[in-house]
mmCIF file of all heavy atoms, coordinates in Angstrom:
data_MODEL
# 
_entry.id   MODEL 
# 
loop_
_atom_site.group_PDB 
_atom_site.id 
_atom_site.type_symbol 
_atom_site.label_atom_id 
_atom_site.label_alt_id 
_atom_site.label_comp_id 
_atom_site.label_asym_id 
_atom_site.label_entity_id 
_atom_site.label_seq_id 
_atom_site.pdbx_PDB_ins_code 
_atom_site.Cartn_x 
_atom_site.Cartn_y 
_atom_site.Cartn_z 
_atom_site.occupancy 
_atom_site.B_iso_or_equiv 
_atom_site.pdbx_formal_charge 
_atom_site.auth_seq_id 
_atom_site.auth_comp_id 
_atom_site.auth_asym_id 
_atom_site.auth_atom_id 
_atom_site.pdbx_PDB_model_num 
ATOM 1   N N   . HIS A 1 1  ? -8.635  -15.888 8.136  1.00 0.00 ? 1  HIS A N   1 
ATOM 2   C CA  . HIS A 1 1  ? -8.560  -17.296 8.540  1.00 0.00 ? 1  HIS A CA  1 
ATOM 3   C C   . HIS A 1 1  ? -9.609  -18.101 7.780  1.00 0.00 ? 1  HIS A C   1 
ATOM 4   O O   . HIS A 1 1  ? -10.695 -17.583 7.504  1.00 0.00 ? 1  HIS A O   1 
ATOM 5   C CB  . HIS A 1 1  ? -8.851  -17.446 10.048 1.00 0.00 ? 1  HIS A CB  1 
ATOM 6   C CG  . HIS A 1 1  ? -7.907  -16.689 10.919 1.00 0.00 ? 1  HIS A CG  1 
ATOM 7   N ND1 . HIS A 1 1  ? -6.659  -17.138 11.226 1.00 0.00 ? 1  HIS A ND1 1 
ATOM 8   C CD2 . HIS A 1 1  ? -8.042  -15.504 11.540 1.00 0.00 ? 1  HIS A CD2 1 
ATOM 9   C CE1 . HIS A 1 1  ? -6.071  -16.255 12.009 1.00 0.00 ? 1  HIS A CE1 1 
ATOM 10  N NE2 . HIS A 1 1  ? -6.881  -15.249 12.209 1.00 0.00 ? 1  HIS A NE2 1 
ATOM 11  N N   . PRO A 1 2  ? -9.317  -19.356 7.463  1.00 0.00 ? 2  PRO A N   1 
ATOM 12  C CA  . PRO A 1 2  ? -10.347 -20.189 6.827  1.00 0.00 ? 2  PRO A CA  1 
ATOM 13  C C   . PRO A 1 2  ? -11.527 -20.379 7.788  1.00 0.00 ? 2  PRO A C   1 
ATOM 14  O O   . PRO A 1 2  ? -11.345 -20.577 8.984  1.00 0.00 ? 2  PRO A O   1 
ATOM 15  C CB  . PRO A 1 2  ? -9.639  -21.524 6.582  1.00 0.00 ? 2  PRO A CB  1 
ATOM 16  C CG  . PRO A 1 2  ? -8.199  -21.281 6.755  1.00 0.00 ? 2  PRO A CG  1 
ATOM 17  C CD  . PRO A 1 2  ? -8.055  -20.059 7.619  1.00 0.00 ? 2  PRO A CD  1 
ATOM 18  N N   . ALA A 1 3  ? -12.750 -20.297 7.264  1.00 0.00 ? 3  ALA A N   1 
ATOM 19  C CA  . ALA A 1 3  ? -13.940 -20.485 8.086  1.00 0.00 ? 3  ALA A CA  1 
ATOM 20  C C   . ALA A 1 3  ? -14.344 -21.974 8.102  1.00 0.00 ? 3  ALA A C   1 
ATOM 21  O O   . ALA A 1 3  ? -15.273 -22.337 8.799  1.00 0.00 ? 3  ALA A O   1 
ATOM 22  C CB  . ALA A 1 3  ? -15.093 -19.635 7.546  1.00 0.00 ? 3  ALA A CB  1 
ATOM 23  N N   . GLU A 1 4  ? -13.644 -22.782 7.325  1.00 0.00 ? 4  GLU A N   1 
ATOM 24  C CA  . GLU A 1 4  ? -13.953 -24.206 7.250  1.00 0.00 ? 4  GLU A CA  1 
ATOM 25  C C   . GLU A 1 4  ? -12.689 -24.982 7.580  1.00 0.00 ? 4  GLU A C   1 
ATOM 26  O O   . GLU A 1 4  ? -11.593 -24.487 7.419  1.00 0.00 ? 4  GLU A O   1 
ATOM 27  C CB  . GLU A 1 4  ? -14.418 -24.577 5.850  1.00 0.00 ? 4  GLU A CB  1 
ATOM 28  C CG  . GLU A 1 4  ? -15.648 -23.822 5.398  1.00 0.00 ? 4  GLU A CG  1 
ATOM 29  C CD  . GLU A 1 4  ? -15.951 -24.074 3.931  1.00 0.00 ? 4  GLU A CD  1 
ATOM 30  O OE1 . GLU A 1 4  ? -15.169 -24.767 3.263  1.00 0.00 ? 4  GLU A OE1 1 
ATOM 31  O OE2 . GLU A 1 4  ? -16.982 -23.577 3.474  1.00 0.00 ? 4  GLU A OE2 1 
ATOM 32  N N   . ALA A 1 5  ? -12.864 -26.207 8.018  1.00 0.00 ? 5  ALA A N   1 
ATOM 33  C CA  . ALA A 1 5  ? -11.711 -27.049 8.316  1.00 0.00 ? 5  ALA A CA  1 
ATOM 34  C C   . ALA A 1 5  ? -11.997 -28.472 7.883  1.00 0.00 ? 5  ALA A C   1 
ATOM 35  O O   . ALA A 1 5  ? -13.152 -28.889 7.820  1.00 0.00 ? 5  ALA A O   1 
ATOM 36  C CB  . ALA A 1 5  ? -11.414 -27.016 9.809  1.00 0.00 ? 5  ALA A CB  1 
ATOM 37  N N   . LEU A 1 6  ? -10.957 -29.210 7.582  1.00 0.00 ? 6  LEU A N   1 
ATOM 38  C CA  . LEU A 1 6  ? -11.092 -30.612 7.224  1.00 0.00 ? 6  LEU A CA  1 
ATOM 39  C C   . LEU A 1 6  ? -10.457 -31.412 8.349  1.00 0.00 ? 6  LEU A C   1 
ATOM 40  O O   . LEU A 1 6  ? -9.272  -31.259 8.640  1.00 0.00 ? 6  LEU A O   1 
ATOM 41  C CB  . LEU A 1 6  ? -10.370 -30.890 5.898  1.00 0.00 ? 6  LEU A CB  1 
ATOM 42  C CG  . LEU A 1 6  ? -10.359 -32.327 5.425  1.00 0.00 ? 6  LEU A CG  1 
ATOM 43  C CD1 . LEU A 1 6  ? -11.797 -32.797 5.145  1.00 0.00 ? 6  LEU A CD1 1 
ATOM 44  C CD2 . LEU A 1 6  ? -9.508  -32.487 4.195  1.00 0.00 ? 6  LEU A CD2 1 
ATOM 45  N N   . TRP A 1 7  ? -11.277 -32.233 9.019  1.00 0.00 ? 7  TRP A N   1 
ATOM 46  C CA  . TRP A 1 7  ? -10.764 -33.056 10.104 1.00 0.00 ? 7  TRP A CA  1 
ATOM 47  C C   . TRP A 1 7  ? -10.157 -34.311 9.510  1.00 0.00 ? 7  TRP A C   1 
ATOM 48  O O   . TRP A 1 7  ? -10.779 -34.997 8.706  1.00 0.00 ? 7  TRP A O   1 
ATOM 49  C CB  . TRP A 1 7  ? -11.908 -33.428 11.055 1.00 0.00 ? 7  TRP A CB  1 
ATOM 50  C CG  . TRP A 1 7  ? -11.493 -34.384 12.103 1.00 0.00 ? 7  TRP A CG  1 
ATOM 51  C CD1 . TRP A 1 7  ? -10.763 -34.117 13.224 1.00 0.00 ? 7  TRP A CD1 1 
ATOM 52  C CD2 . TRP A 1 7  ? -11.791 -35.787 12.152 1.00 0.00 ? 7  TRP A CD2 1 
ATOM 53  N NE1 . TRP A 1 7  ? -10.583 -35.268 13.950 1.00 0.00 ? 7  TRP A NE1 1 
ATOM 54  C CE2 . TRP A 1 7  ? -11.205 -36.312 13.318 1.00 0.00 ? 7  TRP A CE2 1 
ATOM 55  C CE3 . TRP A 1 7  ? -12.479 -36.645 11.302 1.00 0.00 ? 7  TRP A CE3 1 
ATOM 56  C CZ2 . TRP A 1 7  ? -11.302 -37.643 13.663 1.00 0.00 ? 7  TRP A CZ2 1 
ATOM 57  C CZ3 . TRP A 1 7  ? -12.583 -37.973 11.653 1.00 0.00 ? 7  TRP A CZ3 1 
ATOM 58  C CH2 . TRP A 1 7  ? -12.010 -38.462 12.827 1.00 0.00 ? 7  TRP A CH2 1 
ATOM 59  N N   . ILE A 1 8  ? -8.920  -34.582 9.875  1.00 0.00 ? 8  ILE A N   1 
ATOM 60  C CA  . ILE A 1 8  ? -8.239  -35.786 9.394  1.00 0.00 ? 8  ILE A CA  1 
ATOM 61  C C   . ILE A 1 8  ? -7.967  -36.663 10.619 1.00 0.00 ? 8  ILE A C   1 
ATOM 62  O O   . ILE A 1 8  ? -7.291  -36.238 11.556 1.00 0.00 ? 8  ILE A O   1 
ATOM 63  C CB  . ILE A 1 8  ? -6.927  -35.434 8.678  1.00 0.00 ? 8  ILE A CB  1 
ATOM 64  C CG1 . ILE A 1 8  ? -7.224  -34.537 7.484  1.00 0.00 ? 8  ILE A CG1 1 
ATOM 65  C CG2 . ILE A 1 8  ? -6.192  -36.690 8.255  1.00 0.00 ? 8  ILE A CG2 1 
ATOM 66  C CD1 . ILE A 1 8  ? -6.014  -34.009 6.792  1.00 0.00 ? 8  ILE A CD1 1 
ATOM 67  N N   . PRO A 1 9  ? -8.508  -37.866 10.633 1.00 0.00 ? 9  PRO A N   1 
ATOM 68  C CA  . PRO A 1 9  ? -8.341  -38.738 11.794 1.00 0.00 ? 9  PRO A CA  1 
ATOM 69  C C   . PRO A 1 9  ? -6.903  -39.231 11.935 1.00 0.00 ? 9  PRO A C   1 
ATOM 70  O O   . PRO A 1 9  ? -6.144  -39.283 10.979 1.00 0.00 ? 9  PRO A O   1 
ATOM 71  C CB  . PRO A 1 9  ? -9.273  -39.906 11.485 1.00 0.00 ? 9  PRO A CB  1 
ATOM 72  C CG  . PRO A 1 9  ? -9.359  -39.942 10.004 1.00 0.00 ? 9  PRO A CG  1 
ATOM 73  C CD  . PRO A 1 9  ? -9.235  -38.522 9.548  1.00 0.00 ? 9  PRO A CD  1 
ATOM 74  N N   . ALA A 1 10 ? -6.542  -39.596 13.163 1.00 0.00 ? 10 ALA A N   1 
ATOM 75  C CA  . ALA A 1 10 ? -5.220  -40.147 13.435 1.00 0.00 ? 10 ALA A CA  1 
ATOM 76  C C   . ALA A 1 10 ? -5.376  -41.489 14.147 1.00 0.00 ? 10 ALA A C   1 
ATOM 77  O O   . ALA A 1 10 ? -6.217  -41.642 15.033 1.00 0.00 ? 10 ALA A O   1 
ATOM 78  C CB  . ALA A 1 10 ? -4.426  -39.191 14.317 1.00 0.00 ? 10 ALA A CB  1 
ATOM 79  N N   . SER A 1 11 ? -4.585  -42.440 13.776 1.00 0.00 ? 11 SER A N   1 
ATOM 80  C CA  . SER A 1 11 ? -4.496  -43.804 14.333 1.00 0.00 ? 11 SER A CA  1 
ATOM 81  C C   . SER A 1 11 ? -5.851  -44.388 14.742 1.00 0.00 ? 11 SER A C   1 
ATOM 82  O O   . SER A 1 11 ? -6.680  -44.649 13.899 1.00 0.00 ? 11 SER A O   1 
ATOM 83  C CB  . SER A 1 11 ? -3.496  -43.833 15.479 1.00 0.00 ? 11 SER A CB  1 
ATOM 84  O OG  . SER A 1 11 ? -3.874  -42.973 16.524 1.00 0.00 ? 11 SER A OG  1 
ATOM 85  N N   . GLU A 1 12 ? -6.064  -44.609 16.053 1.00 0.00 ? 12 GLU A N   1 
ATOM 86  C CA  . GLU A 1 12 ? -7.307  -45.255 16.481 1.00 0.00 ? 12 GLU A CA  1 
ATOM 87  C C   . GLU A 1 12 ? -8.554  -44.433 16.192 1.00 0.00 ? 12 GLU A C   1 
ATOM 88  O O   . GLU A 1 12 ? -9.636  -44.975 16.037 1.00 0.00 ? 12 GLU A O   1 
ATOM 89  C CB  . GLU A 1 12 ? -7.256  -45.585 17.982 1.00 0.00 ? 12 GLU A CB  1 
ATOM 90  C CG  . GLU A 1 12 ? -6.305  -46.698 18.348 1.00 0.00 ? 12 GLU A CG  1 
ATOM 91  C CD  . GLU A 1 12 ? -5.009  -46.150 18.926 1.00 0.00 ? 12 GLU A CD  1 
ATOM 92  O OE1 . GLU A 1 12 ? -5.040  -45.067 19.531 1.00 0.00 ? 12 GLU A OE1 1 
ATOM 93  O OE2 . GLU A 1 12 ? -3.984  -46.805 18.763 1.00 0.00 ? 12 GLU A OE2 1 
ATOM 94  N N   . ASP A 1 13 ? -8.419  -43.106 16.140 1.00 0.00 ? 13 ASP A N   1 
ATOM 95  C CA  . ASP A 1 13 ? -9.562  -42.262 15.799 1.00 0.00 ? 13 ASP A CA  1 
ATOM 96  C C   . ASP A 1 13 ? -10.135 -42.621 14.437 1.00 0.00 ? 13 ASP A C   1 
ATOM 97  O O   . ASP A 1 13 ? -11.341 -42.570 14.223 1.00 0.00 ? 13 ASP A O   1 
ATOM 98  C CB  . ASP A 1 13 ? -9.168  -40.776 15.785 1.00 0.00 ? 13 ASP A CB  1 
ATOM 99  C CG  . ASP A 1 13 ? -9.095  -40.168 17.165 1.00 0.00 ? 13 ASP A CG  1 
ATOM 100 O OD1 . ASP A 1 13 ? -9.588  -40.802 18.122 1.00 0.00 ? 13 ASP A OD1 1 
ATOM 101 O OD2 . ASP A 1 13 ? -8.545  -39.066 17.292 1.00 0.00 ? 13 ASP A OD2 1 
ATOM 102 N N   . ALA A 1 14 ? -9.269  -42.976 13.511 1.00 0.00 ? 14 ALA A N   1 
ATOM 103 C CA  . ALA A 1 14 ? -9.721  -43.317 12.158 1.00 0.00 ? 14 ALA A CA  1 
ATOM 104 C C   . ALA A 1 14 ? -10.624 -44.538 12.193 1.00 0.00 ? 14 ALA A C   1 
ATOM 105 O O   . ALA A 1 14 ? -11.707 -44.551 11.602 1.00 0.00 ? 14 ALA A O   1 
ATOM 106 C CB  . ALA A 1 14 ? -8.524  -43.578 11.250 1.00 0.00 ? 14 ALA A CB  1 
ATOM 107 N N   . VAL A 1 15 ? -10.220 -45.560 12.886 1.00 0.00 ? 15 VAL A N   1 
ATOM 108 C CA  . VAL A 1 15 ? -11.019 -46.798 12.982 1.00 0.00 ? 15 VAL A CA  1 
ATOM 109 C C   . VAL A 1 15 ? -12.319 -46.527 13.744 1.00 0.00 ? 15 VAL A C   1 
ATOM 110 O O   . VAL A 1 15 ? -13.393 -46.987 13.354 1.00 0.00 ? 15 VAL A O   1 
ATOM 111 C CB  . VAL A 1 15 ? -10.200 -47.921 13.660 1.00 0.00 ? 15 VAL A CB  1 
ATOM 112 C CG1 . VAL A 1 15 ? -11.042 -49.161 13.859 1.00 0.00 ? 15 VAL A CG1 1 
ATOM 113 C CG2 . VAL A 1 15 ? -8.978  -48.252 12.829 1.00 0.00 ? 15 VAL A CG2 1 
ATOM 114 N N   . ASP A 1 16 ? -12.250 -45.751 14.838 1.00 0.00 ? 16 ASP A N   1 
ATOM 115 C CA  . ASP A 1 16 ? -13.443 -45.423 15.615 1.00 0.00 ? 16 ASP A CA  1 
ATOM 116 C C   . ASP A 1 16 ? -14.471 -44.652 14.801 1.00 0.00 ? 16 ASP A C   1 
ATOM 117 O O   . ASP A 1 16 ? -15.657 -44.718 15.060 1.00 0.00 ? 16 ASP A O   1 
ATOM 118 C CB  . ASP A 1 16 ? -13.074 -44.589 16.847 1.00 0.00 ? 16 ASP A CB  1 
ATOM 119 C CG  . ASP A 1 16 ? -12.270 -45.386 17.873 1.00 0.00 ? 16 ASP A CG  1 
ATOM 120 O OD1 . ASP A 1 16 ? -12.247 -46.634 17.773 1.00 0.00 ? 16 ASP A OD1 1 
ATOM 121 O OD2 . ASP A 1 16 ? -11.652 -44.762 18.756 1.00 0.00 ? 16 ASP A OD2 1 
ATOM 122 N N   . HIS A 1 17 ? -14.019 -43.922 13.784 1.00 0.00 ? 17 HIS A N   1 
ATOM 123 C CA  . HIS A 1 17 ? -14.930 -43.127 12.940 1.00 0.00 ? 17 HIS A CA  1 
ATOM 124 C C   . HIS A 1 17 ? -15.161 -43.785 11.578 1.00 0.00 ? 17 HIS A C   1 
ATOM 125 O O   . HIS A 1 17 ? -15.527 -43.126 10.617 1.00 0.00 ? 17 HIS A O   1 
ATOM 126 C CB  . HIS A 1 17 ? -14.407 -41.703 12.795 1.00 0.00 ? 17 HIS A CB  1 
ATOM 127 C CG  . HIS A 1 17 ? -14.497 -40.914 14.053 1.00 0.00 ? 17 HIS A CG  1 
ATOM 128 N ND1 . HIS A 1 17 ? -13.492 -40.876 14.979 1.00 0.00 ? 17 HIS A ND1 1 
ATOM 129 C CD2 . HIS A 1 17 ? -15.519 -40.187 14.573 1.00 0.00 ? 17 HIS A CD2 1 
ATOM 130 C CE1 . HIS A 1 17 ? -13.873 -40.133 16.006 1.00 0.00 ? 17 HIS A CE1 1 
ATOM 131 N NE2 . HIS A 1 17 ? -15.103 -39.712 15.773 1.00 0.00 ? 17 HIS A NE2 1 
ATOM 132 N N   . ARG A 1 18 ? -14.931 -45.101 11.513 1.00 0.00 ? 18 ARG A N   1 
ATOM 133 C CA  . ARG A 1 18 ? -15.253 -45.939 10.361 1.00 0.00 ? 18 ARG A CA  1 
ATOM 134 C C   . ARG A 1 18 ? -14.435 -45.639 9.098  1.00 0.00 ? 18 ARG A C   1 
ATOM 135 O O   . ARG A 1 18 ? -14.927 -45.771 7.999  1.00 0.00 ? 18 ARG A O   1 
ATOM 136 C CB  . ARG A 1 18 ? -16.738 -45.905 10.068 1.00 0.00 ? 18 ARG A CB  1 
ATOM 137 C CG  . ARG A 1 18 ? -17.538 -46.401 11.232 1.00 0.00 ? 18 ARG A CG  1 
ATOM 138 C CD  . ARG A 1 18 ? -18.991 -46.459 10.920 1.00 0.00 ? 18 ARG A CD  1 
ATOM 139 N NE  . ARG A 1 18 ? -19.710 -46.938 12.097 1.00 0.00 ? 18 ARG A NE  1 
ATOM 140 C CZ  . ARG A 1 18 ? -20.990 -46.955 12.201 1.00 0.00 ? 18 ARG A CZ  1 
ATOM 141 N NH1 . ARG A 1 18 ? -21.734 -46.538 11.198 1.00 0.00 ? 18 ARG A NH1 1 
ATOM 142 N NH2 . ARG A 1 18 ? -21.577 -47.396 13.277 1.00 0.00 ? 18 ARG A NH2 1 
ATOM 143 N N   . PHE A 1 19 ? -13.196 -45.222 9.281  1.00 0.00 ? 19 PHE A N   1 
ATOM 144 C CA  . PHE A 1 19 ? -12.283 -45.093 8.156  1.00 0.00 ? 19 PHE A CA  1 
ATOM 145 C C   . PHE A 1 19 ? -11.554 -46.400 7.964  1.00 0.00 ? 19 PHE A C   1 
ATOM 146 O O   . PHE A 1 19 ? -11.257 -47.093 8.935  1.00 0.00 ? 19 PHE A O   1 
ATOM 147 C CB  . PHE A 1 19 ? -11.244 -43.986 8.386  1.00 0.00 ? 19 PHE A CB  1 
ATOM 148 C CG  . PHE A 1 19 ? -11.744 -42.595 8.076  1.00 0.00 ? 19 PHE A CG  1 
ATOM 149 C CD1 . PHE A 1 19 ? -12.502 -41.904 9.001  1.00 0.00 ? 19 PHE A CD1 1 
ATOM 150 C CD2 . PHE A 1 19 ? -11.442 -41.996 6.868  1.00 0.00 ? 19 PHE A CD2 1 
ATOM 151 C CE1 . PHE A 1 19 ? -12.947 -40.626 8.727  1.00 0.00 ? 19 PHE A CE1 1 
ATOM 152 C CE2 . PHE A 1 19 ? -11.888 -40.715 6.593  1.00 0.00 ? 19 PHE A CE2 1 
ATOM 153 C CZ  . PHE A 1 19 ? -12.649 -40.034 7.524  1.00 0.00 ? 19 PHE A CZ  1 
ATOM 154 N N   . VAL A 1 20 ? -11.249 -46.759 6.754  1.00 0.00 ? 20 VAL A N   1 
ATOM 155 C CA  . VAL A 1 20 ? -10.386 -47.890 6.439  1.00 0.00 ? 20 VAL A CA  1 
ATOM 156 C C   . VAL A 1 20 ? -9.037  -47.309 6.040  1.00 0.00 ? 20 VAL A C   1 
ATOM 157 O O   . VAL A 1 20 ? -8.997  -46.393 5.226  1.00 0.00 ? 20 VAL A O   1 
ATOM 158 C CB  . VAL A 1 20 ? -10.976 -48.739 5.289  1.00 0.00 ? 20 VAL A CB  1 
ATOM 159 C CG1 . VAL A 1 20 ? -10.014 -49.831 4.890  1.00 0.00 ? 20 VAL A CG1 1 
ATOM 160 C CG2 . VAL A 1 20 ? -12.323 -49.299 5.680  1.00 0.00 ? 20 VAL A CG2 1 
ATOM 161 N N   . ILE A 1 21 ? -7.951  -47.819 6.613  1.00 0.00 ? 21 ILE A N   1 
ATOM 162 C CA  . ILE A 1 21 ? -6.628  -47.290 6.312  1.00 0.00 ? 21 ILE A CA  1 
ATOM 163 C C   . ILE A 1 21 ? -5.893  -48.322 5.456  1.00 0.00 ? 21 ILE A C   1 
ATOM 164 O O   . ILE A 1 21 ? -5.787  -49.486 5.820  1.00 0.00 ? 21 ILE A O   1 
ATOM 165 C CB  . ILE A 1 21 ? -5.825  -47.042 7.595  1.00 0.00 ? 21 ILE A CB  1 
ATOM 166 C CG1 . ILE A 1 21 ? -6.609  -46.145 8.557  1.00 0.00 ? 21 ILE A CG1 1 
ATOM 167 C CG2 . ILE A 1 21 ? -4.469  -46.415 7.270  1.00 0.00 ? 21 ILE A CG2 1 
ATOM 168 C CD1 . ILE A 1 21 ? -6.046  -46.105 9.950  1.00 0.00 ? 21 ILE A CD1 1 
ATOM 169 N N   . HIS A 1 22 ? -5.427  -47.874 4.302  1.00 0.00 ? 22 HIS A N   1 
ATOM 170 C CA  . HIS A 1 22 ? -4.703  -48.769 3.403  1.00 0.00 ? 22 HIS A CA  1 
ATOM 171 C C   . HIS A 1 22 ? -3.541  -48.009 2.764  1.00 0.00 ? 22 HIS A C   1 
ATOM 172 O O   . HIS A 1 22 ? -3.762  -47.042 2.025  1.00 0.00 ? 22 HIS A O   1 
ATOM 173 C CB  . HIS A 1 22 ? -5.614  -49.314 2.312  1.00 0.00 ? 22 HIS A CB  1 
ATOM 174 C CG  . HIS A 1 22 ? -4.918  -50.232 1.352  1.00 0.00 ? 22 HIS A CG  1 
ATOM 175 N ND1 . HIS A 1 22 ? -4.526  -51.502 1.718  1.00 0.00 ? 22 HIS A ND1 1 
ATOM 176 C CD2 . HIS A 1 22 ? -4.519  -50.050 0.094  1.00 0.00 ? 22 HIS A CD2 1 
ATOM 177 C CE1 . HIS A 1 22 ? -3.917  -52.070 0.681  1.00 0.00 ? 22 HIS A CE1 1 
ATOM 178 N NE2 . HIS A 1 22 ? -3.906  -51.208 -0.317 1.00 0.00 ? 22 HIS A NE2 1 
ATOM 179 N N   . GLY A 1 23 ? -2.321  -48.415 3.068  1.00 0.00 ? 23 GLY A N   1 
ATOM 180 C CA  . GLY A 1 23 ? -1.147  -47.765 2.477  1.00 0.00 ? 23 GLY A CA  1 
ATOM 181 C C   . GLY A 1 23 ? -1.049  -46.293 2.774  1.00 0.00 ? 23 GLY A C   1 
ATOM 182 O O   . GLY A 1 23 ? -0.595  -45.533 1.929  1.00 0.00 ? 23 GLY A O   1 
ATOM 183 N N   . GLY A 1 24 ? -1.476  -45.855 3.948  1.00 0.00 ? 24 GLY A N   1 
ATOM 184 C CA  . GLY A 1 24 ? -1.402  -44.445 4.318  1.00 0.00 ? 24 GLY A CA  1 
ATOM 185 C C   . GLY A 1 24 ? -2.551  -43.606 3.809  1.00 0.00 ? 24 GLY A C   1 
ATOM 186 O O   . GLY A 1 24 ? -2.595  -42.403 4.031  1.00 0.00 ? 24 GLY A O   1 
ATOM 187 N N   . VAL A 1 25 ? -3.520  -44.212 3.124  1.00 0.00 ? 25 VAL A N   1 
ATOM 188 C CA  . VAL A 1 25 ? -4.709  -43.499 2.642  1.00 0.00 ? 25 VAL A CA  1 
ATOM 189 C C   . VAL A 1 25 ? -5.884  -43.873 3.520  1.00 0.00 ? 25 VAL A C   1 
ATOM 190 O O   . VAL A 1 25 ? -6.122  -45.044 3.799  1.00 0.00 ? 25 VAL A O   1 
ATOM 191 C CB  . VAL A 1 25 ? -5.002  -43.844 1.161  1.00 0.00 ? 25 VAL A CB  1 
ATOM 192 C CG1 . VAL A 1 25 ? -6.291  -43.181 0.702  1.00 0.00 ? 25 VAL A CG1 1 
ATOM 193 C CG2 . VAL A 1 25 ? -3.864  -43.446 0.272  1.00 0.00 ? 25 VAL A CG2 1 
ATOM 194 N N   . TYR A 1 26 ? -6.619  -42.884 3.982  1.00 0.00 ? 26 TYR A N   1 
ATOM 195 C CA  . TYR A 1 26 ? -7.806  -43.084 4.803  1.00 0.00 ? 26 TYR A CA  1 
ATOM 196 C C   . TYR A 1 26 ? -9.019  -43.012 3.894  1.00 0.00 ? 26 TYR A C   1 
ATOM 197 O O   . TYR A 1 26 ? -9.214  -42.046 3.184  1.00 0.00 ? 26 TYR A O   1 
ATOM 198 C CB  . TYR A 1 26 ? -7.912  -42.005 5.868  1.00 0.00 ? 26 TYR A CB  1 
ATOM 199 C CG  . TYR A 1 26 ? -6.812  -42.042 6.910  1.00 0.00 ? 26 TYR A CG  1 
ATOM 200 C CD1 . TYR A 1 26 ? -5.489  -41.758 6.586  1.00 0.00 ? 26 TYR A CD1 1 
ATOM 201 C CD2 . TYR A 1 26 ? -7.101  -42.369 8.221  1.00 0.00 ? 26 TYR A CD2 1 
ATOM 202 C CE1 . TYR A 1 26 ? -4.488  -41.797 7.533  1.00 0.00 ? 26 TYR A CE1 1 
ATOM 203 C CE2 . TYR A 1 26 ? -6.106  -42.402 9.175  1.00 0.00 ? 26 TYR A CE2 1 
ATOM 204 C CZ  . TYR A 1 26 ? -4.803  -42.116 8.838  1.00 0.00 ? 26 TYR A CZ  1 
ATOM 205 O OH  . TYR A 1 26 ? -3.813  -42.160 9.781  1.00 0.00 ? 26 TYR A OH  1 
ATOM 206 N N   . VAL A 1 27 ? -9.876  -44.042 3.913  1.00 0.00 ? 27 VAL A N   1 
ATOM 207 C CA  . VAL A 1 27 ? -11.048 -44.095 3.043  1.00 0.00 ? 27 VAL A CA  1 
ATOM 208 C C   . VAL A 1 27 ? -12.284 -44.315 3.913  1.00 0.00 ? 27 VAL A C   1 
ATOM 209 O O   . VAL A 1 27 ? -12.286 -45.137 4.820  1.00 0.00 ? 27 VAL A O   1 
ATOM 210 C CB  . VAL A 1 27 ? -10.931 -45.242 2.020  1.00 0.00 ? 27 VAL A CB  1 
ATOM 211 C CG1 . VAL A 1 27 ? -12.155 -45.282 1.120  1.00 0.00 ? 27 VAL A CG1 1 
ATOM 212 C CG2 . VAL A 1 27 ? -9.662  -45.116 1.205  1.00 0.00 ? 27 VAL A CG2 1 
ATOM 213 N N   . ALA A 1 28 ? -13.347 -43.566 3.605  1.00 0.00 ? 28 ALA A N   1 
ATOM 214 C CA  . ALA A 1 28 ? -14.628 -43.730 4.311  1.00 0.00 ? 28 ALA A CA  1 
ATOM 215 C C   . ALA A 1 28 ? -15.768 -43.598 3.337  1.00 0.00 ? 28 ALA A C   1 
ATOM 216 O O   . ALA A 1 28 ? -15.679 -42.875 2.345  1.00 0.00 ? 28 ALA A O   1 
ATOM 217 C CB  . ALA A 1 28 ? -14.769 -42.703 5.427  1.00 0.00 ? 28 ALA A CB  1 
ATOM 218 N N   . GLY A 1 29 ? -16.870 -44.291 3.605  1.00 0.00 ? 29 GLY A N   1 
ATOM 219 C CA  . GLY A 1 29 ? -18.074 -44.170 2.799  1.00 0.00 ? 29 GLY A CA  1 
ATOM 220 C C   . GLY A 1 29 ? -18.966 -43.084 3.339  1.00 0.00 ? 29 GLY A C   1 
ATOM 221 O O   . GLY A 1 29 ? -19.009 -42.859 4.545  1.00 0.00 ? 29 GLY A O   1 
# 
């Protein structure tokens, strides 16, 4: 099993975690 994971935000979670959503791409600084 992978020992690491990549968390990908969904809908409101993305905004709550300071992601900007544009054209289906989530961007964060």
